[in-house]
Amino acid sequence: MSKLKTFPLFNSRLSFILDNGLRTIVENVEKNILLMGIKQGMRVLEVGCGSGFVTRYLSKFRLHKLFTYCW
Protein backbone atom coordinates (compact mmCIF):
# COMPACT_ATOMS: atom_id res chain seq x y z
CA MET A 1 0.00 0.00 0.00
CA SER A 2 1.35 3.39 -0.97
CA LYS A 3 1.98 6.01 1.69
CA LEU A 4 1.76 8.78 -0.88
CA LYS A 5 -1.11 11.16 -0.19
CA THR A 6 -2.73 12.98 -3.07
CA PHE A 7 -4.90 16.05 -3.01
CA PRO A 8 -7.08 17.39 -5.82
CA LEU A 9 -5.89 20.74 -7.14
CA PHE A 10 -9.32 21.81 -8.27
CA ASN A 11 -12.84 20.48 -8.67
CA SER A 12 -12.77 18.11 -11.66
CA ARG A 13 -16.32 19.13 -12.59
CA LEU A 14 -14.88 22.49 -13.62
CA SER A 15 -12.24 20.99 -15.95
CA PHE A 16 -14.12 22.24 -19.04
CA ILE A 17 -12.78 25.73 -18.17
CA LEU A 18 -9.15 24.70 -18.79
CA ASP A 19 -9.41 24.96 -22.58
CA ASN A 20 -12.30 27.39 -22.73
CA GLY A 21 -11.79 30.94 -23.94
CA LEU A 22 -13.76 32.11 -20.91
CA ARG A 23 -10.76 31.12 -18.79
CA THR A 24 -9.27 34.54 -19.52
CA ILE A 25 -12.12 36.11 -17.53
CA VAL A 26 -11.11 34.13 -14.44
CA GLU A 27 -7.33 34.13 -14.93
CA ASN A 28 -5.09 36.92 -16.23
CA VAL A 29 -2.44 34.75 -17.90
CA GLU A 30 -0.23 37.62 -19.04
CA LYS A 31 -0.15 39.05 -15.51
CA ASN A 32 0.78 35.63 -14.09
CA ILE A 33 3.63 35.33 -16.60
CA LEU A 34 4.96 38.73 -15.53
CA LEU A 35 4.64 37.75 -11.85
CA MET A 36 6.83 34.71 -12.58
CA GLY A 37 9.55 37.08 -13.77
CA ILE A 38 9.49 35.93 -17.39
CA LYS A 39 10.83 38.65 -19.69
CA GLN A 40 11.67 39.18 -23.35
CA GLY A 41 14.82 37.35 -24.44
CA MET A 42 14.68 34.65 -21.74
CA ARG A 43 14.79 30.90 -22.24
CA VAL A 44 11.71 29.18 -20.82
CA LEU A 45 10.88 25.52 -20.27
CA GLU A 46 7.20 24.73 -19.93
CA VAL A 47 6.59 21.23 -18.58
CA GLY A 48 3.20 19.56 -18.88
CA CYS A 49 1.80 22.24 -21.16
CA GLY A 50 -1.37 20.28 -21.92
CA SER A 51 -3.41 21.95 -24.64
CA GLY A 52 -1.00 24.87 -24.90
CA PHE A 53 -3.29 27.50 -23.40
CA VAL A 54 -0.44 29.24 -21.55
CA THR A 55 2.04 28.50 -24.37
CA ARG A 56 0.07 30.81 -26.67
CA TYR A 57 0.61 33.68 -24.25
CA LEU A 58 4.29 32.82 -23.74
CA SER A 59 4.81 33.02 -27.50
CA LYS A 60 3.85 36.72 -27.41
CA PHE A 61 6.76 37.55 -25.08
CA ARG A 62 9.49 37.27 -27.77
CA LEU A 63 11.46 34.74 -25.79
CA HIS A 64 14.93 33.66 -26.91
CA LYS A 65 13.81 30.02 -26.72
CA LEU A 66 10.59 28.37 -25.61
CA PHE A 67 10.86 24.66 -24.91
CA THR A 68 7.76 22.61 -24.18
CA TYR A 69 7.59 19.11 -22.76
CA CYS A 70 4.24 17.35 -22.92
CA TRP A 71 3.52 13.75 -22.03
PDB file of N, CA and C in Angstrom:
ATOM      1  N   MET A   1       0.844  -1.185   0.000  1.00  0.00           N
ATOM      2  CA  MET A   1       0.000   0.000   0.000  1.00  0.00           C
ATOM      3  C   MET A   1       0.887   1.246   0.000  1.00  0.00           C
ATOM      4  N   SER A   2       0.565   2.171  -0.838  1.00  0.00           N
ATOM      5  CA  SER A   2       1.353   3.395  -0.975  1.00  0.00           C
ATOM      6  C   SER A   2       1.069   4.365   0.168  1.00  0.00           C
ATOM      7  N   LYS A   3       2.126   5.006   0.640  1.00  0.00           N
ATOM      8  CA  LYS A   3       1.977   6.014   1.690  1.00  0.00           C
ATOM      9  C   LYS A   3       1.837   7.416   1.111  1.00  0.00           C
ATOM     10  N   LEU A   4       1.856   7.495  -0.212  1.00  0.00           N
ATOM     11  CA  LEU A   4       1.759   8.784  -0.885  1.00  0.00           C
ATOM     12  C   LEU A   4       0.335   9.316  -0.790  1.00  0.00           C
ATOM     13  N   LYS A   5       0.194  10.522  -0.285  1.00  0.00           N
ATOM     14  CA  LYS A   5      -1.113  11.158  -0.193  1.00  0.00           C
ATOM     15  C   LYS A   5      -1.289  12.088  -1.382  1.00  0.00           C
ATOM     16  N   THR A   6      -2.443  12.078  -1.956  1.00  0.00           N
ATOM     17  CA  THR A   6      -2.728  12.977  -3.073  1.00  0.00           C
ATOM     18  C   THR A   6      -3.884  13.891  -2.699  1.00  0.00           C
ATOM     19  N   PHE A   7      -3.860  15.073  -3.260  1.00  0.00           N
ATOM     20  CA  PHE A   7      -4.902  16.052  -3.005  1.00  0.00           C
ATOM     21  C   PHE A   7      -5.334  16.649  -4.338  1.00  0.00           C
ATOM     22  N   PRO A   8      -6.624  16.773  -4.565  1.00  0.00           N
ATOM     23  CA  PRO A   8      -7.077  17.386  -5.815  1.00  0.00           C
ATOM     24  C   PRO A   8      -6.711  18.868  -5.845  1.00  0.00           C
ATOM     25  N   LEU A   9      -6.249  19.332  -7.001  1.00  0.00           N
ATOM     26  CA  LEU A   9      -5.890  20.739  -7.139  1.00  0.00           C
ATOM     27  C   LEU A   9      -7.111  21.616  -7.369  1.00  0.00           C
ATOM     28  N   PHE A  10      -8.099  21.067  -8.027  1.00  0.00           N
ATOM     29  CA  PHE A  10      -9.325  21.813  -8.273  1.00  0.00           C
ATOM     30  C   PHE A  10     -10.454  20.820  -8.511  1.00  0.00           C
ATOM     31  N   ASN A  11     -11.657  21.303  -8.462  1.00  0.00           N
ATOM     32  CA  ASN A  11     -12.836  20.479  -8.668  1.00  0.00           C
ATOM     33  C   ASN A  11     -12.856  19.981 -10.114  1.00  0.00           C
ATOM     34  N   SER A  12     -12.816  18.672 -10.313  1.00  0.00           N
ATOM     35  CA  SER A  12     -12.767  18.106 -11.663  1.00  0.00           C
ATOM     36  C   SER A  12     -14.014  18.422 -12.482  1.00  0.00           C
ATOM     37  N   ARG A  13     -15.107  18.759 -11.845  1.00  0.00           N
ATOM     38  CA  ARG A  13     -16.319  19.125 -12.587  1.00  0.00           C
ATOM     39  C   ARG A  13     -16.148  20.442 -13.338  1.00  0.00           C
ATOM     40  N   LEU A  14     -15.135  21.215 -12.954  1.00  0.00           N
ATOM     41  CA  LEU A  14     -14.880  22.490 -13.622  1.00  0.00           C
ATOM     42  C   LEU A  14     -13.779  22.387 -14.677  1.00  0.00           C
ATOM     43  N   SER A  15     -13.356  21.173 -15.022  1.00  0.00           N
ATOM     44  CA  SER A  15     -12.241  20.993 -15.952  1.00  0.00           C
ATOM     45  C   SER A  15     -12.534  21.538 -17.353  1.00  0.00           C
ATOM     46  N   PHE A  16     -13.795  21.700 -17.721  1.00  0.00           N
ATOM     47  CA  PHE A  16     -14.117  22.242 -19.041  1.00  0.00           C
ATOM     48  C   PHE A  16     -13.576  23.663 -19.214  1.00  0.00           C
ATOM     49  N   ILE A  17     -13.295  24.354 -18.118  1.00  0.00           N
ATOM     50  CA  ILE A  17     -12.781  25.726 -18.170  1.00  0.00           C
ATOM     51  C   ILE A  17     -11.338  25.768 -18.663  1.00  0.00           C
ATOM     52  N   LEU A  18     -10.578  24.688 -18.477  1.00  0.00           N
ATOM     53  CA  LEU A  18      -9.149  24.697 -18.789  1.00  0.00           C
ATOM     54  C   LEU A  18      -8.848  25.093 -20.229  1.00  0.00           C
ATOM     55  N   ASP A  19      -9.645  24.643 -21.177  1.00  0.00           N
ATOM     56  CA  ASP A  19      -9.410  24.959 -22.581  1.00  0.00           C
ATOM     57  C   ASP A  19     -10.438  25.926 -23.144  1.00  0.00           C
ATOM     58  N   ASN A  20     -11.232  26.490 -22.305  1.00  0.00           N
ATOM     59  CA  ASN A  20     -12.295  27.386 -22.728  1.00  0.00           C
ATOM     60  C   ASN A  20     -11.772  28.822 -22.797  1.00  0.00           C
ATOM     61  N   GLY A  21     -12.180  29.549 -23.814  1.00  0.00           N
ATOM     62  CA  GLY A  21     -11.786  30.944 -23.944  1.00  0.00           C
ATOM     63  C   GLY A  21     -12.236  31.802 -22.775  1.00  0.00           C
ATOM     64  N   LEU A  22     -13.269  31.372 -22.074  1.00  0.00           N
ATOM     65  CA  LEU A  22     -13.761  32.113 -20.912  1.00  0.00           C
ATOM     66  C   LEU A  22     -12.773  32.074 -19.750  1.00  0.00           C
ATOM     67  N   ARG A  23     -11.780  31.216 -19.847  1.00  0.00           N
ATOM     68  CA  ARG A  23     -10.763  31.122 -18.793  1.00  0.00           C
ATOM     69  C   ARG A  23     -10.060  32.457 -18.587  1.00  0.00           C
ATOM     70  N   THR A  24      -9.952  33.248 -19.634  1.00  0.00           N
ATOM     71  CA  THR A  24      -9.274  34.542 -19.522  1.00  0.00           C
ATOM     72  C   THR A  24     -10.048  35.514 -18.636  1.00  0.00           C
ATOM     73  N   ILE A  25     -11.330  35.269 -18.436  1.00  0.00           N
ATOM     74  CA  ILE A  25     -12.123  36.108 -17.533  1.00  0.00           C
ATOM     75  C   ILE A  25     -11.727  35.824 -16.083  1.00  0.00           C
ATOM     76  N   VAL A  26     -11.438  34.562 -15.793  1.00  0.00           N
ATOM     77  CA  VAL A  26     -11.106  34.130 -14.442  1.00  0.00           C
ATOM     78  C   VAL A  26      -9.623  34.319 -14.136  1.00  0.00           C
ATOM     79  N   GLU A  27      -8.778  34.125 -15.142  1.00  0.00           N
ATOM     80  CA  GLU A  27      -7.329  34.131 -14.933  1.00  0.00           C
ATOM     81  C   GLU A  27      -6.658  35.101 -15.906  1.00  0.00           C
ATOM     82  N   ASN A  28      -5.861  35.999 -15.399  1.00  0.00           N
ATOM     83  CA  ASN A  28      -5.090  36.919 -16.232  1.00  0.00           C
ATOM     84  C   ASN A  28      -3.727  36.272 -16.495  1.00  0.00           C
ATOM     85  N   VAL A  29      -3.635  35.538 -17.603  1.00  0.00           N
ATOM     86  CA  VAL A  29      -2.441  34.746 -17.899  1.00  0.00           C
ATOM     87  C   VAL A  29      -1.219  35.637 -18.092  1.00  0.00           C
ATOM     88  N   GLU A  30      -1.369  36.730 -18.803  1.00  0.00           N
ATOM     89  CA  GLU A  30      -0.226  37.619 -19.043  1.00  0.00           C
ATOM     90  C   GLU A  30       0.310  38.192 -17.728  1.00  0.00           C
ATOM     91  N   LYS A  31      -0.574  38.541 -16.819  1.00  0.00           N
ATOM     92  CA  LYS A  31      -0.147  39.054 -15.513  1.00  0.00           C
ATOM     93  C   LYS A  31       0.605  37.974 -14.736  1.00  0.00           C
ATOM     94  N   ASN A  32       0.107  36.735 -14.786  1.00  0.00           N
ATOM     95  CA  ASN A  32       0.779  35.633 -14.095  1.00  0.00           C
ATOM     96  C   ASN A  32       2.170  35.386 -14.658  1.00  0.00           C
ATOM     97  N   ILE A  33       2.323  35.507 -15.970  1.00  0.00           N
ATOM     98  CA  ILE A  33       3.634  35.329 -16.600  1.00  0.00           C
ATOM     99  C   ILE A  33       4.590  36.410 -16.111  1.00  0.00           C
ATOM    100  N   LEU A  34       4.119  37.631 -16.026  1.00  0.00           N
ATOM    101  CA  LEU A  34       4.959  38.726 -15.527  1.00  0.00           C
ATOM    102  C   LEU A  34       5.322  38.519 -14.057  1.00  0.00           C
ATOM    103  N   LEU A  35       4.375  38.021 -13.264  1.00  0.00           N
ATOM    104  CA  LEU A  35       4.640  37.752 -11.850  1.00  0.00           C
ATOM    105  C   LEU A  35       5.699  36.664 -11.667  1.00  0.00           C
ATOM    106  N   MET A  36       5.803  35.752 -12.635  1.00  0.00           N
ATOM    107  CA  MET A  36       6.829  34.707 -12.579  1.00  0.00           C
ATOM    108  C   MET A  36       8.200  35.244 -12.951  1.00  0.00           C
ATOM    109  N   GLY A  37       8.260  36.480 -13.424  1.00  0.00           N
ATOM    110  CA  GLY A  37       9.548  37.077 -13.772  1.00  0.00           C
ATOM    111  C   GLY A  37      10.013  36.764 -15.177  1.00  0.00           C
ATOM    112  N   ILE A  38       9.127  36.258 -16.017  1.00  0.00           N
ATOM    113  CA  ILE A  38       9.494  35.933 -17.393  1.00  0.00           C
ATOM    114  C   ILE A  38       9.521  37.214 -18.211  1.00  0.00           C
ATOM    115  N   LYS A  39      10.646  37.423 -18.912  1.00  0.00           N
ATOM    116  CA  LYS A  39      10.830  38.650 -19.694  1.00  0.00           C
ATOM    117  C   LYS A  39      11.305  38.328 -21.100  1.00  0.00           C
ATOM    118  N   GLN A  40      11.215  39.312 -21.966  1.00  0.00           N
ATOM    119  CA  GLN A  40      11.668  39.180 -23.348  1.00  0.00           C
ATOM    120  C   GLN A  40      13.134  38.740 -23.381  1.00  0.00           C
ATOM    121  N   GLY A  41      13.456  37.810 -24.266  1.00  0.00           N
ATOM    122  CA  GLY A  41      14.823  37.348 -24.438  1.00  0.00           C
ATOM    123  C   GLY A  41      15.228  36.185 -23.553  1.00  0.00           C
ATOM    124  N   MET A  42      14.349  35.752 -22.650  1.00  0.00           N
ATOM    125  CA  MET A  42      14.678  34.648 -21.743  1.00  0.00           C
ATOM    126  C   MET A  42      14.466  33.303 -22.429  1.00  0.00           C
ATOM    127  N   ARG A  43      15.057  32.279 -21.846  1.00  0.00           N
ATOM    128  CA  ARG A  43      14.787  30.898 -22.243  1.00  0.00           C
ATOM    129  C   ARG A  43      13.820  30.319 -21.226  1.00  0.00           C
ATOM    130  N   VAL A  44      12.762  29.682 -21.707  1.00  0.00           N
ATOM    131  CA  VAL A  44      11.710  29.180 -20.818  1.00  0.00           C
ATOM    132  C   VAL A  44      11.422  27.723 -21.147  1.00  0.00           C
ATOM    133  N   LEU A  45      11.291  26.908 -20.121  1.00  0.00           N
ATOM    134  CA  LEU A  45      10.880  25.517 -20.268  1.00  0.00           C
ATOM    135  C   LEU A  45       9.503  25.377 -19.641  1.00  0.00           C
ATOM    136  N   GLU A  46       8.551  24.969 -20.438  1.00  0.00           N
ATOM    137  CA  GLU A  46       7.196  24.732 -19.928  1.00  0.00           C
ATOM    138  C   GLU A  46       6.966  23.226 -19.912  1.00  0.00           C
ATOM    139  N   VAL A  47       6.762  22.676 -18.740  1.00  0.00           N
ATOM    140  CA  VAL A  47       6.591  21.233 -18.580  1.00  0.00           C
ATOM    141  C   VAL A  47       5.126  20.929 -18.332  1.00  0.00           C
ATOM    142  N   GLY A  48       4.603  19.940 -19.037  1.00  0.00           N
ATOM    143  CA  GLY A  48       3.202  19.565 -18.876  1.00  0.00           C
ATOM    144  C   GLY A  48       2.272  20.634 -19.404  1.00  0.00           C
ATOM    145  N   CYS A  49       2.536  21.087 -20.621  1.00  0.00           N
ATOM    146  CA  CYS A  49       1.804  22.243 -21.163  1.00  0.00           C
ATOM    147  C   CYS A  49       0.395  21.902 -21.633  1.00  0.00           C
ATOM    148  N   GLY A  50       0.007  20.650 -21.589  1.00  0.00           N
ATOM    149  CA  GLY A  50      -1.370  20.280 -21.916  1.00  0.00           C
ATOM    150  C   GLY A  50      -1.799  20.737 -23.293  1.00  0.00           C
ATOM    151  N   SER A  51      -2.869  21.493 -23.352  1.00  0.00           N
ATOM    152  CA  SER A  51      -3.407  21.952 -24.636  1.00  0.00           C
ATOM    153  C   SER A  51      -2.649  23.141 -25.199  1.00  0.00           C
ATOM    154  N   GLY A  52      -1.766  23.724 -24.420  1.00  0.00           N
ATOM    155  CA  GLY A  52      -0.997  24.871 -24.900  1.00  0.00           C
ATOM    156  C   GLY A  52      -1.646  26.211 -24.617  1.00  0.00           C
ATOM    157  N   PHE A  53      -2.591  26.247 -23.707  1.00  0.00           N
ATOM    158  CA  PHE A  53      -3.291  27.497 -23.395  1.00  0.00           C
ATOM    159  C   PHE A  53      -2.312  28.583 -22.966  1.00  0.00           C
ATOM    160  N   VAL A  54      -1.420  28.266 -22.033  1.00  0.00           N
ATOM    161  CA  VAL A  54      -0.439  29.245 -21.550  1.00  0.00           C
ATOM    162  C   VAL A  54       0.664  29.448 -22.587  1.00  0.00           C
ATOM    163  N   THR A  55       0.992  28.414 -23.346  1.00  0.00           N
ATOM    164  CA  THR A  55       2.038  28.504 -24.375  1.00  0.00           C
ATOM    165  C   THR A  55       1.725  29.602 -25.377  1.00  0.00           C
ATOM    166  N   ARG A  56       0.464  29.750 -25.727  1.00  0.00           N
ATOM    167  CA  ARG A  56       0.066  30.812 -26.672  1.00  0.00           C
ATOM    168  C   ARG A  56       0.427  32.189 -26.135  1.00  0.00           C
ATOM    169  N   TYR A  57       0.264  32.389 -24.850  1.00  0.00           N
ATOM    170  CA  TYR A  57       0.614  33.681 -24.247  1.00  0.00           C
ATOM    171  C   TYR A  57       2.125  33.843 -24.142  1.00  0.00           C
ATOM    172  N   LEU A  58       2.828  32.761 -23.811  1.00  0.00           N
ATOM    173  CA  LEU A  58       4.290  32.822 -23.736  1.00  0.00           C
ATOM    174  C   LEU A  58       4.893  33.190 -25.087  1.00  0.00           C
ATOM    175  N   SER A  59       4.265  32.737 -26.167  1.00  0.00           N
ATOM    176  CA  SER A  59       4.809  33.018 -27.501  1.00  0.00           C
ATOM    177  C   SER A  59       4.765  34.506 -27.839  1.00  0.00           C
ATOM    178  N   LYS A  60       3.950  35.273 -27.164  1.00  0.00           N
ATOM    179  CA  LYS A  60       3.854  36.718 -27.408  1.00  0.00           C
ATOM    180  C   LYS A  60       4.975  37.507 -26.733  1.00  0.00           C
ATOM    181  N   PHE A  61       5.751  36.853 -25.861  1.00  0.00           N
ATOM    182  CA  PHE A  61       6.762  37.549 -25.081  1.00  0.00           C
ATOM    183  C   PHE A  61       8.121  37.638 -25.769  1.00  0.00           C
ATOM    184  N   ARG A  62       8.229  37.224 -27.014  1.00  0.00           N
ATOM    185  CA  ARG A  62       9.490  37.271 -27.774  1.00  0.00           C
ATOM    186  C   ARG A  62      10.641  36.670 -26.978  1.00  0.00           C
ATOM    187  N   LEU A  63      10.445  35.446 -26.560  1.00  0.00           N
ATOM    188  CA  LEU A  63      11.461  34.739 -25.791  1.00  0.00           C
ATOM    189  C   LEU A  63      12.594  34.308 -26.706  1.00  0.00           C
ATOM    190  N   HIS A  64      13.784  34.152 -26.143  1.00  0.00           N
ATOM    191  CA  HIS A  64      14.926  33.658 -26.913  1.00  0.00           C
ATOM    192  C   HIS A  64      14.646  32.224 -27.354  1.00  0.00           C
ATOM    193  N   LYS A  65      14.187  31.412 -26.428  1.00  0.00           N
ATOM    194  CA  LYS A  65      13.811  30.025 -26.717  1.00  0.00           C
ATOM    195  C   LYS A  65      12.637  29.653 -25.824  1.00  0.00           C
ATOM    196  N   LEU A  66      11.699  28.912 -26.385  1.00  0.00           N
ATOM    197  CA  LEU A  66      10.585  28.374 -25.605  1.00  0.00           C
ATOM    198  C   LEU A  66      10.557  26.875 -25.845  1.00  0.00           C
ATOM    199  N   PHE A  67      10.869  26.115 -24.824  1.00  0.00           N
ATOM    200  CA  PHE A  67      10.858  24.665 -24.907  1.00  0.00           C
ATOM    201  C   PHE A  67       9.602  24.169 -24.211  1.00  0.00           C
ATOM    202  N   THR A  68       8.933  23.202 -24.811  1.00  0.00           N
ATOM    203  CA  THR A  68       7.757  22.611 -24.175  1.00  0.00           C
ATOM    204  C   THR A  68       7.972  21.111 -24.061  1.00  0.00           C
ATOM    205  N   TYR A  69       7.514  20.553 -22.978  1.00  0.00           N
ATOM    206  CA  TYR A  69       7.594  19.111 -22.764  1.00  0.00           C
ATOM    207  C   TYR A  69       6.219  18.636 -22.336  1.00  0.00           C
ATOM    208  N   CYS A  70       5.579  17.879 -23.205  1.00  0.00           N
ATOM    209  CA  CYS A  70       4.242  17.350 -22.919  1.00  0.00           C
ATOM    210  C   CYS A  70       4.307  15.833 -22.913  1.00  0.00           C
ATOM    211  N   TRP A  71       3.560  15.207 -22.028  1.00  0.00           N
ATOM    212  CA  TRP A  71       3.520  13.749 -22.029  1.00  0.00           C
ATOM    213  C   TRP A  71       2.107  13.283 -22.018  1.00  0.00           C
TER     214      TRP A  71
END
